[in-house]
Amino acid sequence: MLHIKPGLGPEFEAAFVHASKLIAAAPGYLGHELQRCLEHDDKYLLLVRWTSVEAHEQGFRQSADYLEWKQSLHHFYQPFPTVEHFSRVYPPPPG
């Protein structure tokens, strides 16, 4: 869950389009989506799919692209989001 500083939603969304290219180029990246809350304009849900936690934590988060991601987006957050990792329960993952 991302909470954006009030009134900065459109600016955040524009910056996110650029930042999306950075994360999409990371090894182990499978896909992502950003959704804006209908009840609260400054609240977003970001779901990123990775092949593994390591692909995110050791791959993307330790890359030069992450530094650019951080510079592009982190100043919008209030408070800074908690990052958590989940595994799909339903529908069951393929294979």
Protein backbone atom coordinates (compact mmCIF):
# COMPACT_ATOMS: atom_id res chain seq x y z
CA MET A 1 0.00 0.00 0.00
CA LEU A 2 1.37 3.39 -1.00
CA HIS A 3 0.20 6.59 0.67
CA ILE A 4 1.11 9.63 -1.41
CA LYS A 5 1.45 13.17 -0.07
CA PRO A 6 -1.92 14.90 -0.52
CA GLY A 7 -2.51 16.40 -3.93
CA LEU A 8 0.50 14.78 -5.62
CA GLY A 9 -1.35 11.86 -7.21
CA PRO A 10 -1.12 13.04 -10.84
CA GLU A 11 2.58 13.89 -10.46
CA PHE A 12 3.23 10.52 -8.79
CA GLU A 13 1.40 8.66 -11.57
CA ALA A 14 3.48 10.42 -14.24
CA ALA A 15 6.72 9.59 -12.40
CA PHE A 16 5.53 6.01 -11.97
CA VAL A 17 5.21 5.55 -15.74
CA HIS A 18 8.93 6.32 -16.08
CA ALA A 19 9.90 4.23 -13.04
CA SER A 20 7.92 1.27 -14.39
CA LYS A 21 10.47 0.85 -17.16
CA LEU A 22 13.21 0.45 -14.55
CA ILE A 23 11.53 -2.32 -12.61
CA ALA A 24 10.32 -4.08 -15.75
CA ALA A 25 13.94 -4.48 -16.91
CA ALA A 26 15.01 -6.28 -13.70
CA PRO A 27 15.98 -9.96 -13.86
CA GLY A 28 13.26 -12.06 -12.23
CA TYR A 29 10.54 -9.48 -12.88
CA LEU A 30 7.21 -11.03 -13.96
CA GLY A 31 4.83 -8.06 -14.01
CA HIS A 32 3.27 -5.29 -11.97
CA GLU A 33 0.19 -3.13 -11.61
CA LEU A 34 -0.63 0.11 -9.81
CA GLN A 35 -4.18 0.82 -8.70
CA ARG A 36 -5.59 4.05 -7.23
CA CYS A 37 -8.03 3.74 -4.36
CA LEU A 38 -11.54 4.90 -5.30
CA GLU A 39 -12.31 6.17 -1.81
CA HIS A 40 -8.98 7.95 -1.14
CA ASP A 41 -7.25 9.72 -4.05
CA ASP A 42 -3.83 9.64 -2.37
CA LYS A 43 -3.78 5.91 -1.70
CA TYR A 44 -2.44 3.33 -4.17
CA LEU A 45 -1.91 -0.41 -4.28
CA LEU A 46 1.26 -1.62 -5.99
CA LEU A 47 1.58 -5.31 -6.75
CA VAL A 48 4.84 -6.51 -8.30
CA ARG A 49 5.31 -10.13 -9.29
CA TRP A 50 8.80 -11.64 -9.05
CA THR A 51 10.21 -15.10 -9.67
CA SER A 52 11.52 -15.04 -6.07
CA VAL A 53 12.05 -12.79 -3.04
CA GLU A 54 15.76 -12.84 -3.91
CA ALA A 55 15.04 -11.42 -7.38
CA HIS A 56 13.48 -8.43 -5.65
CA GLU A 57 15.70 -8.05 -2.58
CA GLN A 58 19.12 -8.98 -3.94
CA GLY A 59 18.46 -8.30 -7.61
CA PHE A 60 16.43 -5.15 -8.14
CA ARG A 61 16.97 -3.52 -4.74
CA GLN A 62 20.76 -3.72 -5.07
CA SER A 63 20.85 -2.43 -8.65
CA ALA A 64 21.57 0.97 -10.17
CA ASP A 65 18.01 0.96 -11.54
CA TYR A 66 16.68 0.79 -7.97
CA LEU A 67 18.61 3.96 -7.11
CA GLU A 68 16.84 5.72 -9.99
CA TRP A 69 13.48 4.19 -8.92
CA LYS A 70 14.08 5.51 -5.43
CA GLN A 71 15.01 8.98 -6.67
CA SER A 72 11.93 9.09 -8.92
CA LEU A 73 9.32 7.90 -6.40
CA HIS A 74 10.34 7.86 -2.75
CA HIS A 75 9.78 11.58 -2.15
CA PHE A 76 6.04 11.09 -2.86
CA TYR A 77 5.42 8.66 0.04
CA GLN A 78 3.95 9.72 3.37
CA PRO A 79 4.55 7.59 5.36
CA PHE A 80 7.15 5.40 3.69
CA PRO A 81 5.50 2.08 2.72
CA THR A 82 6.20 -1.28 4.29
CA VAL A 83 7.29 -3.79 1.66
CA GLU A 84 5.94 -7.30 2.13
CA HIS A 85 6.18 -10.43 0.02
CA PHE A 86 3.25 -12.78 -0.64
CA SER A 87 2.68 -16.04 -2.44
CA ARG A 88 -0.41 -16.75 -4.49
CA VAL A 89 -2.98 -19.03 -2.89
CA TYR A 90 -5.85 -18.79 -5.36
CA PRO A 91 -6.02 -19.44 -8.17
CA PRO A 92 -3.24 -21.95 -7.65
CA PRO A 93 0.00 -21.05 -9.39
CA PRO A 94 0.68 -22.92 -12.64
CA GLY A 95 2.78 -26.05 -12.52
